[in-house]
Protein backbone atom coordinates (compact mmCIF):
# COMPACT_ATOMS: atom_id res chain seq x y z
CA MET A 1 0.19 0.01 0.06
CA ARG A 2 1.57 3.33 -0.84
CA GLU A 3 1.59 6.12 1.45
CA ALA A 4 -1.78 8.43 1.34
CA GLN A 5 -3.49 5.55 -0.70
CA PHE A 6 -6.79 6.65 1.22
CA THR A 7 -6.28 10.25 -0.57
CA PHE A 8 -5.51 8.50 -3.76
CA ASP A 9 -8.61 5.86 -3.69
CA ASN A 10 -11.29 8.83 -2.89
CA GLU A 11 -10.02 11.12 -5.64
CA GLY A 12 -11.63 9.23 -8.74
CA VAL A 13 -12.14 6.12 -10.31
CA ASP A 14 -10.05 4.14 -13.09
CA TYR A 15 -10.27 1.30 -15.25
CA ILE A 16 -7.10 -0.29 -16.33
CA THR A 17 -7.61 -0.75 -20.09
CA ALA A 18 -8.32 2.50 -22.05
CA THR A 19 -10.92 2.14 -24.72
CA GLU A 20 -11.96 4.44 -27.58
CA PRO A 21 -14.00 6.47 -27.77
CA PHE A 22 -13.00 8.59 -24.65
CA ARG A 23 -15.53 7.99 -21.92
CA GLN A 24 -15.92 11.28 -19.89
CA GLN A 25 -20.01 10.96 -20.13
CA ARG A 26 -20.17 7.63 -19.25
CA TYR A 27 -18.09 7.23 -16.19
CA PRO A 28 -18.79 9.79 -13.50
CA TRP A 29 -15.71 10.68 -11.50
CA PHE A 30 -13.39 8.86 -13.98
CA SER A 31 -10.08 10.71 -13.11
CA ARG A 32 -7.64 9.80 -16.23
CA ILE A 33 -9.27 12.63 -18.09
CA LEU A 34 -9.36 16.41 -17.85
CA HIS A 35 -12.07 17.00 -15.41
CA TRP A 36 -13.59 19.82 -13.31
CA PRO A 37 -14.98 19.18 -9.57
CA ASN A 38 -17.84 21.44 -10.27
CA SER A 39 -16.69 24.38 -7.65
CA ALA A 40 -15.77 27.91 -8.18
CA GLU A 41 -12.44 27.58 -6.22
CA SER A 42 -11.52 24.37 -8.58
CA GLY A 43 -9.37 24.23 -11.91
CA VAL A 44 -8.81 21.82 -14.56
CA THR A 45 -8.02 18.54 -12.64
CA LEU A 46 -6.11 15.45 -14.01
CA GLY A 47 -5.56 12.38 -12.27
CA ARG A 48 -6.19 11.69 -8.63
CA GLY A 49 -6.63 15.56 -7.74
CA TYR A 50 -3.93 17.44 -9.53
CA ASP A 51 -5.89 20.67 -9.66
CA MET A 52 -4.20 23.18 -12.18
CA GLY A 53 -6.29 26.12 -11.22
CA GLY A 54 -3.40 27.56 -8.87
CA ARG A 55 -0.42 26.25 -10.86
CA SER A 56 1.67 27.99 -13.52
CA SER A 57 2.26 26.76 -17.14
CA GLY A 58 5.60 26.07 -16.44
CA GLU A 59 4.99 23.85 -13.32
CA ILE A 60 2.43 21.96 -15.01
CA PHE A 61 4.45 21.06 -18.06
CA ALA A 62 7.34 19.77 -15.86
CA THR A 63 5.35 18.09 -13.47
CA LEU A 64 3.44 16.06 -16.14
CA ARG A 65 6.49 15.27 -18.25
CA HIS A 66 8.09 14.09 -15.08
CA ALA A 67 4.91 11.77 -14.75
CA GLY A 68 5.86 10.16 -18.11
CA VAL A 69 2.61 12.04 -20.28
CA GLU A 70 2.93 12.69 -23.43
CA GLU A 71 4.54 15.93 -24.77
CA TYR A 72 1.58 17.14 -26.58
CA LYS A 73 -1.11 16.28 -24.00
CA THR A 74 1.13 18.19 -21.48
CA ILE A 75 1.26 21.28 -24.06
CA LEU A 76 -2.48 21.04 -23.92
CA ALA A 77 -2.90 20.91 -20.19
CA SER A 78 -0.47 23.55 -19.40
CA LYS A 79 -2.83 26.10 -21.30
CA SER A 80 -5.19 25.45 -18.24
CA ALA A 81 -2.95 27.36 -15.83
CA PHE A 82 -4.84 29.39 -13.54
CA LEU A 83 -8.11 28.70 -14.89
CA LYS A 84 -10.99 27.96 -12.40
CA GLY A 85 -14.46 27.84 -12.24
CA ARG A 86 -16.57 27.97 -15.34
CA ASN A 87 -13.46 28.68 -17.18
CA ALA A 88 -11.97 25.71 -16.21
CA ALA A 89 -15.20 23.70 -17.28
CA TYR A 90 -14.98 25.46 -20.67
CA PHE A 91 -11.44 24.58 -21.25
CA ILE A 92 -12.17 21.06 -20.77
CA LYS A 93 -15.22 21.15 -22.95
CA VAL A 94 -13.03 22.29 -25.75
CA TYR A 95 -9.67 20.51 -25.12
CA GLY A 96 -10.68 17.63 -22.96
CA PRO A 97 -11.45 15.75 -26.24
CA LEU A 98 -7.95 16.44 -28.06
CA PHE A 99 -6.16 15.32 -24.78
CA GLY A 100 -7.91 12.07 -24.18
CA GLU A 101 -6.70 10.07 -21.32
CA ILE A 102 -3.58 9.32 -19.55
CA THR A 103 -2.73 5.69 -18.74
CA HIS A 104 -3.21 4.18 -15.32
CA GLN A 105 0.52 3.95 -14.48
CA GLN A 106 0.94 7.88 -15.50
CA GLN A 107 -2.13 8.50 -13.30
CA ILE A 108 -0.13 6.75 -10.24
CA ARG A 109 3.26 8.41 -11.00
CA LEU A 110 1.44 11.90 -11.31
CA PHE A 111 -0.08 11.28 -7.90
CA GLU A 112 2.98 10.00 -6.33
CA ILE A 113 4.65 13.52 -7.38
CA ALA A 114 1.84 15.72 -6.50
CA ILE A 115 1.03 14.25 -3.14
CA GLN A 116 4.76 14.51 -1.75
CA ILE A 117 4.21 18.40 -0.92
CA TYR A 118 1.04 17.19 1.61
CA ILE A 119 3.12 14.58 3.16
CA ALA A 120 6.02 16.86 3.74
CA ARG A 121 3.52 19.16 5.32
CA ALA A 122 1.89 16.66 7.34
CA LYS A 123 5.30 15.54 8.46
CA ARG A 124 6.20 19.24 9.48
CA ILE A 125 2.94 20.07 11.62
CA PHE A 126 3.67 16.63 13.23
CA ASN A 127 7.09 17.43 13.99
CA LYS A 128 6.42 20.84 15.20
CA ARG A 129 3.74 19.47 17.39
CA LYS A 130 5.63 16.34 18.59
CA ALA A 131 8.79 18.94 19.86
CA LYS A 132 6.01 20.89 22.45
CA SER A 133 4.65 17.31 23.62
CA GLU A 134 6.03 14.64 25.67
CA SER A 135 5.34 11.77 23.00
CA THR A 136 8.07 9.61 21.97
CA ILE A 137 6.53 8.39 18.85
CA SER A 138 7.76 9.28 15.30
CA TRP A 139 5.92 9.85 11.99
CA GLU A 140 7.32 6.42 11.02
CA THR A 141 5.61 4.43 13.74
CA VAL A 142 2.28 6.31 13.72
CA ARG A 143 -0.25 3.74 12.35
CA PRO A 144 0.04 3.78 8.71
CA LYS A 145 -4.04 4.18 8.49
CA LEU A 146 -3.79 7.13 10.78
CA ARG A 147 -1.13 8.72 8.87
CA ASP A 148 -3.07 8.53 5.82
CA ILE A 149 -6.27 10.09 7.01
CA TYR A 150 -3.88 12.79 8.47
CA ILE A 151 -2.27 13.49 5.33
CA ASP A 152 -6.17 13.60 3.64
CA SER A 153 -6.74 16.12 6.06
CA ILE A 154 -3.78 18.26 4.93
CA TYR A 155 -4.67 17.45 1.22
CA GLN A 156 -8.45 18.69 2.02
CA GLY A 157 -7.17 21.96 3.49
CA CYS A 158 -8.54 21.16 6.82
CA THR A 159 -8.16 24.16 9.34
CA SER A 160 -7.63 22.00 12.29
CA ALA A 161 -4.63 20.45 11.35
CA ASP A 162 -2.69 21.17 14.20
CA GLU A 163 -5.17 20.00 16.74
CA PHE A 164 -5.73 16.76 14.98
CA CYS A 165 -2.07 16.38 14.86
CA ARG A 166 -2.44 16.41 18.70
CA VAL A 167 -4.48 13.47 18.25
CA ILE A 168 -2.43 11.39 15.89
CA LEU A 169 0.23 11.82 18.36
CA LEU A 170 -1.53 9.70 20.56
CA ASN A 171 -1.34 7.07 17.86
CA ASP A 172 -4.90 5.72 19.27
CA VAL A 173 -7.66 4.42 17.22
CA GLU A 174 -10.49 5.23 19.60
CA ALA A 175 -9.18 8.93 20.10
CA VAL A 176 -8.96 9.50 16.43
CA ARG A 177 -12.62 8.02 15.95
CA THR A 178 -13.96 10.42 18.55
CA TYR A 179 -12.13 13.37 17.15
CA LEU A 180 -13.52 12.83 13.57
CA LYS A 181 -17.05 12.38 14.85
CA THR A 182 -16.66 15.59 17.00
CA ASP A 183 -14.40 18.30 15.35
CA GLY A 184 -16.29 20.54 13.43
CA ALA A 185 -13.54 21.44 10.74
CA GLN A 186 -13.71 17.51 9.73
CA MET A 187 -17.22 17.13 10.28
CA SER A 188 -17.75 19.75 7.59
CA SER A 189 -16.84 17.26 4.99
CA TYR A 190 -19.43 14.83 5.80
CA GLY A 191 -18.96 12.30 3.09
CA ARG A 192 -15.18 12.29 3.40
CA ASN A 193 -15.06 11.95 7.00
CA LEU A 194 -17.46 8.95 6.73
CA LYS A 195 -14.92 7.43 4.60
CA ARG A 196 -12.18 8.21 6.94
CA LEU A 197 -13.96 6.51 9.69
CA LYS A 198 -14.67 3.47 7.56
CA TYR A 199 -11.11 3.28 6.40
CA ILE A 200 -10.03 2.85 10.06
CA ASP A 201 -12.69 0.57 11.44
CA GLY A 202 -11.17 -2.57 12.39
CA LEU A 203 -8.03 -0.95 13.52
């Protein structure tokens, strides 16, 4: 299981073998095409949550090429830099059919590149909070599924990341369950929070 597996699994759906024609309309949440999460704050998105609405064309080009995406697709995608809302939706309508799909492996590689900033942020918050506590637990020894939902919380921009980290430092599943059920910032994303609770069920 890769680090941040929970986030990967909940940022889209996939099938292994691509077929023609491109299936934008038949597969809701299919993530190997350009898509838009239907939010004014969201941009053109590719793969498991790689949102280009806040990224420069140079960053998009470099990241997608690093992920092994073909150059012509990368050039097209880089034109969506900083587009959000309906502008992003219109871009997809025009360029989506030309872009087509990325492969399953390209999607995995893109996620592995993009998620690193959130993993690094989660570790920084964890280590800063740990320095103020008496906990002897390290990031590496936190239960993997608890690490995953904490990374996902950072990925989703949760405003209570520091307080959530205090609970993560306990490495106690019941404490985490209670926190997820009572913290307003976590509960604001109701559907996602239910999935987090289910993900750690049985630990």
